[in-house]
Amino acid sequence: ISGNELAGRAYTQAQKFGAQMLLT
């Protein structure tokens, strides 16, 4: 799997459980 796709899936999963992300 591409690293970008793996990260994208993990980020979606984290959002699903309520984690927030901030780019700064």
PDB file of all heavy atoms in Angstrom:
ATOM      1  N   ILE A   1       0.863  -1.176   0.000  1.00  0.00           N
ATOM      2  CA  ILE A   1       0.000   0.000   0.000  1.00  0.00           C
ATOM      3  C   ILE A   1       0.903   1.230   0.000  1.00  0.00           C
ATOM      4  O   ILE A   1       2.006   1.203   0.551  1.00  0.00           O
ATOM      5  CB  ILE A   1      -0.920   0.003   1.248  1.00  0.00           C
ATOM      6  CG1 ILE A   1      -1.942   1.137   1.179  1.00  0.00           C
ATOM      7  CG2 ILE A   1      -0.101   0.087   2.533  1.00  0.00           C
ATOM      8  CD1 ILE A   1      -2.987   1.081   2.290  1.00  0.00           C
ATOM      9  N   SER A   2       0.478   2.285  -0.657  1.00  0.00           N
ATOM     10  CA  SER A   2       1.292   3.500  -0.644  1.00  0.00           C
ATOM     11  C   SER A   2       1.257   4.106   0.752  1.00  0.00           C
ATOM     12  O   SER A   2       0.260   3.995   1.476  1.00  0.00           O
ATOM     13  CB  SER A   2       0.776   4.512  -1.673  1.00  0.00           C
ATOM     14  OG  SER A   2      -0.425   5.111  -1.224  1.00  0.00           O
ATOM     15  N   GLY A   3       2.350   4.731   1.137  1.00  0.00           N
ATOM     16  CA  GLY A   3       2.402   5.359   2.449  1.00  0.00           C
ATOM     17  C   GLY A   3       1.338   6.425   2.607  1.00  0.00           C
ATOM     18  O   GLY A   3       0.753   6.591   3.684  1.00  0.00           O
ATOM     19  N   ASN A   4       1.054   7.141   1.524  1.00  0.00           N
ATOM     20  CA  ASN A   4       0.051   8.200   1.571  1.00  0.00           C
ATOM     21  C   ASN A   4      -1.350   7.628   1.823  1.00  0.00           C
ATOM     22  O   ASN A   4      -2.134   8.182   2.611  1.00  0.00           O
ATOM     23  CB  ASN A   4       0.068   8.984   0.260  1.00  0.00           C
ATOM     24  CG  ASN A   4      -0.805  10.214   0.313  1.00  0.00           C
ATOM     25  OD1 ASN A   4      -0.677  11.039   1.210  1.00  0.00           O
ATOM     26  ND2 ASN A   4      -1.709  10.335  -0.637  1.00  0.00           N
ATOM     27  N   GLU A   5      -1.664   6.508   1.180  1.00  0.00           N
ATOM     28  CA  GLU A   5      -2.974   5.895   1.378  1.00  0.00           C
ATOM     29  C   GLU A   5      -3.110   5.329   2.789  1.00  0.00           C
ATOM     30  O   GLU A   5      -4.166   5.451   3.420  1.00  0.00           O
ATOM     31  CB  GLU A   5      -3.201   4.781   0.349  1.00  0.00           C
ATOM     32  CG  GLU A   5      -4.593   4.166   0.433  1.00  0.00           C
ATOM     33  CD  GLU A   5      -4.832   3.060  -0.577  1.00  0.00           C
ATOM     34  OE1 GLU A   5      -3.914   2.781  -1.386  1.00  0.00           O
ATOM     35  OE2 GLU A   5      -5.921   2.463  -0.549  1.00  0.00           O
ATOM     36  N   LEU A   6      -2.055   4.703   3.276  1.00  0.00           N
ATOM     37  CA  LEU A   6      -2.086   4.154   4.634  1.00  0.00           C
ATOM     38  C   LEU A   6      -2.319   5.270   5.651  1.00  0.00           C
ATOM     39  O   LEU A   6      -3.141   5.136   6.565  1.00  0.00           O
ATOM     40  CB  LEU A   6      -0.769   3.435   4.934  1.00  0.00           C
ATOM     41  CG  LEU A   6      -0.673   2.740   6.295  1.00  0.00           C
ATOM     42  CD1 LEU A   6      -1.695   1.622   6.410  1.00  0.00           C
ATOM     43  CD2 LEU A   6       0.741   2.196   6.521  1.00  0.00           C
ATOM     44  N   ALA A   7      -1.627   6.395   5.470  1.00  0.00           N
ATOM     45  CA  ALA A   7      -1.798   7.526   6.381  1.00  0.00           C
ATOM     46  C   ALA A   7      -3.203   8.111   6.268  1.00  0.00           C
ATOM     47  O   ALA A   7      -3.817   8.479   7.277  1.00  0.00           O
ATOM     48  CB  ALA A   7      -0.754   8.599   6.079  1.00  0.00           C
ATOM     49  N   GLY A   8      -3.711   8.197   5.041  1.00  0.00           N
ATOM     50  CA  GLY A   8      -5.054   8.740   4.844  1.00  0.00           C
ATOM     51  C   GLY A   8      -6.114   7.905   5.538  1.00  0.00           C
ATOM     52  O   GLY A   8      -7.043   8.441   6.161  1.00  0.00           O
ATOM     53  N   ARG A   9      -5.978   6.603   5.449  1.00  0.00           N
ATOM     54  CA  ARG A   9      -6.936   5.708   6.113  1.00  0.00           C
ATOM     55  C   ARG A   9      -6.857   5.865   7.634  1.00  0.00           C
ATOM     56  O   ARG A   9      -7.878   5.893   8.325  1.00  0.00           O
ATOM     57  CB  ARG A   9      -6.640   4.252   5.737  1.00  0.00           C
ATOM     58  CG  ARG A   9      -6.957   3.901   4.287  1.00  0.00           C
ATOM     59  CD  ARG A   9      -6.698   2.423   4.053  1.00  0.00           C
ATOM     60  NE  ARG A   9      -6.962   2.026   2.673  1.00  0.00           N
ATOM     61  CZ  ARG A   9      -6.909   0.787   2.238  1.00  0.00           C
ATOM     62  NH1 ARG A   9      -6.581  -0.205   3.085  1.00  0.00           N
ATOM     63  NH2 ARG A   9      -7.161   0.491   0.981  1.00  0.00           N
ATOM     64  N   ALA A  10      -5.633   5.954   8.139  1.00  0.00           N
ATOM     65  CA  ALA A  10      -5.458   6.092   9.586  1.00  0.00           C
ATOM     66  C   ALA A  10      -6.031   7.420  10.081  1.00  0.00           C
ATOM     67  O   ALA A  10      -6.656   7.484  11.154  1.00  0.00           O
ATOM     68  CB  ALA A  10      -3.982   5.987   9.948  1.00  0.00           C
ATOM     69  N   TYR A  11      -5.838   8.477   9.307  1.00  0.00           N
ATOM     70  CA  TYR A  11      -6.365   9.783   9.694  1.00  0.00           C
ATOM     71  C   TYR A  11      -7.892   9.771   9.723  1.00  0.00           C
ATOM     72  O   TYR A  11      -8.524  10.287  10.655  1.00  0.00           O
ATOM     73  CB  TYR A  11      -5.852  10.853   8.727  1.00  0.00           C
ATOM     74  CG  TYR A  11      -6.420  12.221   8.983  1.00  0.00           C
ATOM     75  CD1 TYR A  11      -6.426  12.768  10.265  1.00  0.00           C
ATOM     76  CD2 TYR A  11      -6.939  12.984   7.942  1.00  0.00           C
ATOM     77  CE1 TYR A  11      -6.941  14.035  10.500  1.00  0.00           C
ATOM     78  CE2 TYR A  11      -7.454  14.245   8.171  1.00  0.00           C
ATOM     79  CZ  TYR A  11      -7.456  14.758   9.453  1.00  0.00           C
ATOM     80  OH  TYR A  11      -7.975  16.010   9.685  1.00  0.00           O
ATOM     81  N   THR A  12      -8.498   9.155   8.717  1.00  0.00           N
ATOM     82  CA  THR A  12      -9.958   9.025   8.687  1.00  0.00           C
ATOM     83  C   THR A  12     -10.456   8.244   9.897  1.00  0.00           C
ATOM     84  O   THR A  12     -11.478   8.578  10.507  1.00  0.00           O
ATOM     85  CB  THR A  12     -10.397   8.318   7.388  1.00  0.00           C
ATOM     86  OG1 THR A  12      -9.967   9.098   6.264  1.00  0.00           O
ATOM     87  CG2 THR A  12     -11.906   8.143   7.343  1.00  0.00           C
ATOM     88  N   GLN A  13      -9.712   7.210  10.251  1.00  0.00           N
ATOM     89  CA  GLN A  13     -10.085   6.382  11.401  1.00  0.00           C
ATOM     90  C   GLN A  13      -9.990   7.183  12.699  1.00  0.00           C
ATOM     91  O   GLN A  13     -10.860   7.085  13.572  1.00  0.00           O
ATOM     92  CB  GLN A  13      -9.165   5.164  11.453  1.00  0.00           C
ATOM     93  CG  GLN A  13      -9.640   4.031  12.339  1.00  0.00           C
ATOM     94  CD  GLN A  13      -8.768   2.802  12.176  1.00  0.00           C
ATOM     95  OE1 GLN A  13      -7.660   2.873  11.646  1.00  0.00           O
ATOM     96  NE2 GLN A  13      -9.259   1.665  12.625  1.00  0.00           N
ATOM     97  N   ALA A  14      -8.945   7.997  12.825  1.00  0.00           N
ATOM     98  CA  ALA A  14      -8.792   8.825  14.021  1.00  0.00           C
ATOM     99  C   ALA A  14      -9.934   9.837  14.129  1.00  0.00           C
ATOM    100  O   ALA A  14     -10.490  10.068  15.218  1.00  0.00           O
ATOM    101  CB  ALA A  14      -7.448   9.539  13.994  1.00  0.00           C
ATOM    102  N   GLN A  15     -10.311  10.444  12.996  1.00  0.00           N
ATOM    103  CA  GLN A  15     -11.432  11.386  12.988  1.00  0.00           C
ATOM    104  C   GLN A  15     -12.735  10.698  13.379  1.00  0.00           C
ATOM    105  O   GLN A  15     -13.563  11.271  14.097  1.00  0.00           O
ATOM    106  CB  GLN A  15     -11.578  12.000  11.595  1.00  0.00           C
ATOM    107  CG  GLN A  15     -10.542  13.050  11.255  1.00  0.00           C
ATOM    108  CD  GLN A  15     -10.838  13.684   9.920  1.00  0.00           C
ATOM    109  OE1 GLN A  15     -11.010  12.998   8.912  1.00  0.00           O
ATOM    110  NE2 GLN A  15     -10.907  15.009   9.892  1.00  0.00           N
ATOM    111  N   LYS A  16     -12.906   9.485  12.921  1.00  0.00           N
ATOM    112  CA  LYS A  16     -14.114   8.715  13.226  1.00  0.00           C
ATOM    113  C   LYS A  16     -14.323   8.599  14.733  1.00  0.00           C
ATOM    114  O   LYS A  16     -15.456   8.648  15.227  1.00  0.00           O
ATOM    115  CB  LYS A  16     -13.992   7.328  12.596  1.00  0.00           C
ATOM    116  CG  LYS A  16     -15.008   6.303  13.089  1.00  0.00           C
ATOM    117  CD  LYS A  16     -14.673   4.911  12.556  1.00  0.00           C
ATOM    118  CE  LYS A  16     -15.502   3.845  13.240  1.00  0.00           C
ATOM    119  NZ  LYS A  16     -15.129   2.486  12.797  1.00  0.00           N
ATOM    120  N   PHE A  17     -13.229   8.466  15.476  1.00  0.00           N
ATOM    121  CA  PHE A  17     -13.326   8.301  16.927  1.00  0.00           C
ATOM    122  C   PHE A  17     -13.276   9.633  17.675  1.00  0.00           C
ATOM    123  O   PHE A  17     -13.254   9.655  18.906  1.00  0.00           O
ATOM    124  CB  PHE A  17     -12.213   7.384  17.433  1.00  0.00           C
ATOM    125  CG  PHE A  17     -12.389   5.940  17.034  1.00  0.00           C
ATOM    126  CD1 PHE A  17     -11.458   5.311  16.231  1.00  0.00           C
ATOM    127  CD2 PHE A  17     -13.499   5.220  17.463  1.00  0.00           C
ATOM    128  CE1 PHE A  17     -11.615   3.978  15.862  1.00  0.00           C
ATOM    129  CE2 PHE A  17     -13.662   3.888  17.100  1.00  0.00           C
ATOM    130  CZ  PHE A  17     -12.719   3.269  16.296  1.00  0.00           C
ATOM    131  N   GLY A  18     -13.231  10.736  16.939  1.00  0.00           N
ATOM    132  CA  GLY A  18     -13.340  12.037  17.579  1.00  0.00           C
ATOM    133  C   GLY A  18     -12.053  12.809  17.759  1.00  0.00           C
ATOM    134  O   GLY A  18     -12.073  13.912  18.325  1.00  0.00           O
ATOM    135  N   ALA A  19     -10.919  12.273  17.314  1.00  0.00           N
ATOM    136  CA  ALA A  19      -9.666  13.020  17.411  1.00  0.00           C
ATOM    137  C   ALA A  19      -9.704  14.197  16.446  1.00  0.00           C
ATOM    138  O   ALA A  19     -10.235  14.093  15.344  1.00  0.00           O
ATOM    139  CB  ALA A  19      -8.478  12.116  17.103  1.00  0.00           C
ATOM    140  N   GLN A  20      -9.133  15.303  16.857  1.00  0.00           N
ATOM    141  CA  GLN A  20      -9.042  16.473  15.994  1.00  0.00           C
ATOM    142  C   GLN A  20      -7.598  16.671  15.574  1.00  0.00           C
ATOM    143  O   GLN A  20      -6.670  16.369  16.336  1.00  0.00           O
ATOM    144  CB  GLN A  20      -9.524  17.722  16.731  1.00  0.00           C
ATOM    145  CG  GLN A  20     -11.011  17.710  17.060  1.00  0.00           C
ATOM    146  CD  GLN A  20     -11.416  18.967  17.805  1.00  0.00           C
ATOM    147  OE1 GLN A  20     -10.900  19.255  18.879  1.00  0.00           O
ATOM    148  NE2 GLN A  20     -12.337  19.721  17.235  1.00  0.00           N
ATOM    149  N   MET A  21      -7.394  17.204  14.349  1.00  0.00           N
ATOM    150  CA  MET A  21      -6.039  17.484  13.897  1.00  0.00           C
ATOM    151  C   MET A  21      -5.943  18.941  13.478  1.00  0.00           C
ATOM    152  O   MET A  21      -6.867  19.486  12.881  1.00  0.00           O
ATOM    153  CB  MET A  21      -5.617  16.590  12.731  1.00  0.00           C
ATOM    154  CG  MET A  21      -4.128  16.771  12.393  1.00  0.00           C
ATOM    155  SD  MET A  21      -3.464  15.609  11.193  1.00  0.00           S
ATOM    156  CE  MET A  21      -3.892  16.437   9.677  1.00  0.00           C
ATOM    157  N   LEU A  22      -4.807  19.552  13.810  1.00  0.00           N
ATOM    158  CA  LEU A  22      -4.557  20.935  13.454  1.00  0.00           C
ATOM    159  C   LEU A  22      -3.217  21.015  12.751  1.00  0.00           C
ATOM    160  O   LEU A  22      -2.206  20.544  13.271  1.00  0.00           O
ATOM    161  CB  LEU A  22      -4.547  21.808  14.713  1.00  0.00           C
ATOM    162  CG  LEU A  22      -4.294  23.307  14.524  1.00  0.00           C
ATOM    163  CD1 LEU A  22      -5.418  23.932  13.711  1.00  0.00           C
ATOM    164  CD2 LEU A  22      -4.172  23.993  15.873  1.00  0.00           C
ATOM    165  N   LEU A  23      -3.204  21.595  11.540  1.00  0.00           N
ATOM    166  CA  LEU A  23      -1.959  21.824  10.815  1.00  0.00           C
ATOM    167  C   LEU A  23      -1.451  23.206  11.172  1.00  0.00           C
ATOM    168  O   LEU A  23      -2.156  24.199  10.973  1.00  0.00           O
ATOM    169  CB  LEU A  23      -2.196  21.723   9.304  1.00  0.00           C
ATOM    170  CG  LEU A  23      -2.493  20.332   8.747  1.00  0.00           C
ATOM    171  CD1 LEU A  23      -2.823  20.412   7.268  1.00  0.00           C
ATOM    172  CD2 LEU A  23      -1.315  19.403   8.970  1.00  0.00           C
ATOM    173  N   THR A  24      -0.242  23.272  11.692  1.00  0.00           N
ATOM    174  CA  THR A  24       0.319  24.548  12.097  1.00  0.00           C
ATOM    175  C   THR A  24       1.830  24.429  12.171  1.00  0.00           C
ATOM    176  O   THR A  24       2.372  23.327  12.102  1.00  0.00           O
ATOM    177  CB  THR A  24      -0.260  24.993  13.452  1.00  0.00           C
ATOM    178  OG1 THR A  24       0.260  26.287  13.775  1.00  0.00           O
ATOM    179  CG2 THR A  24       0.096  24.020  14.551  1.00  0.00           C
TER     180      THR A  24
END
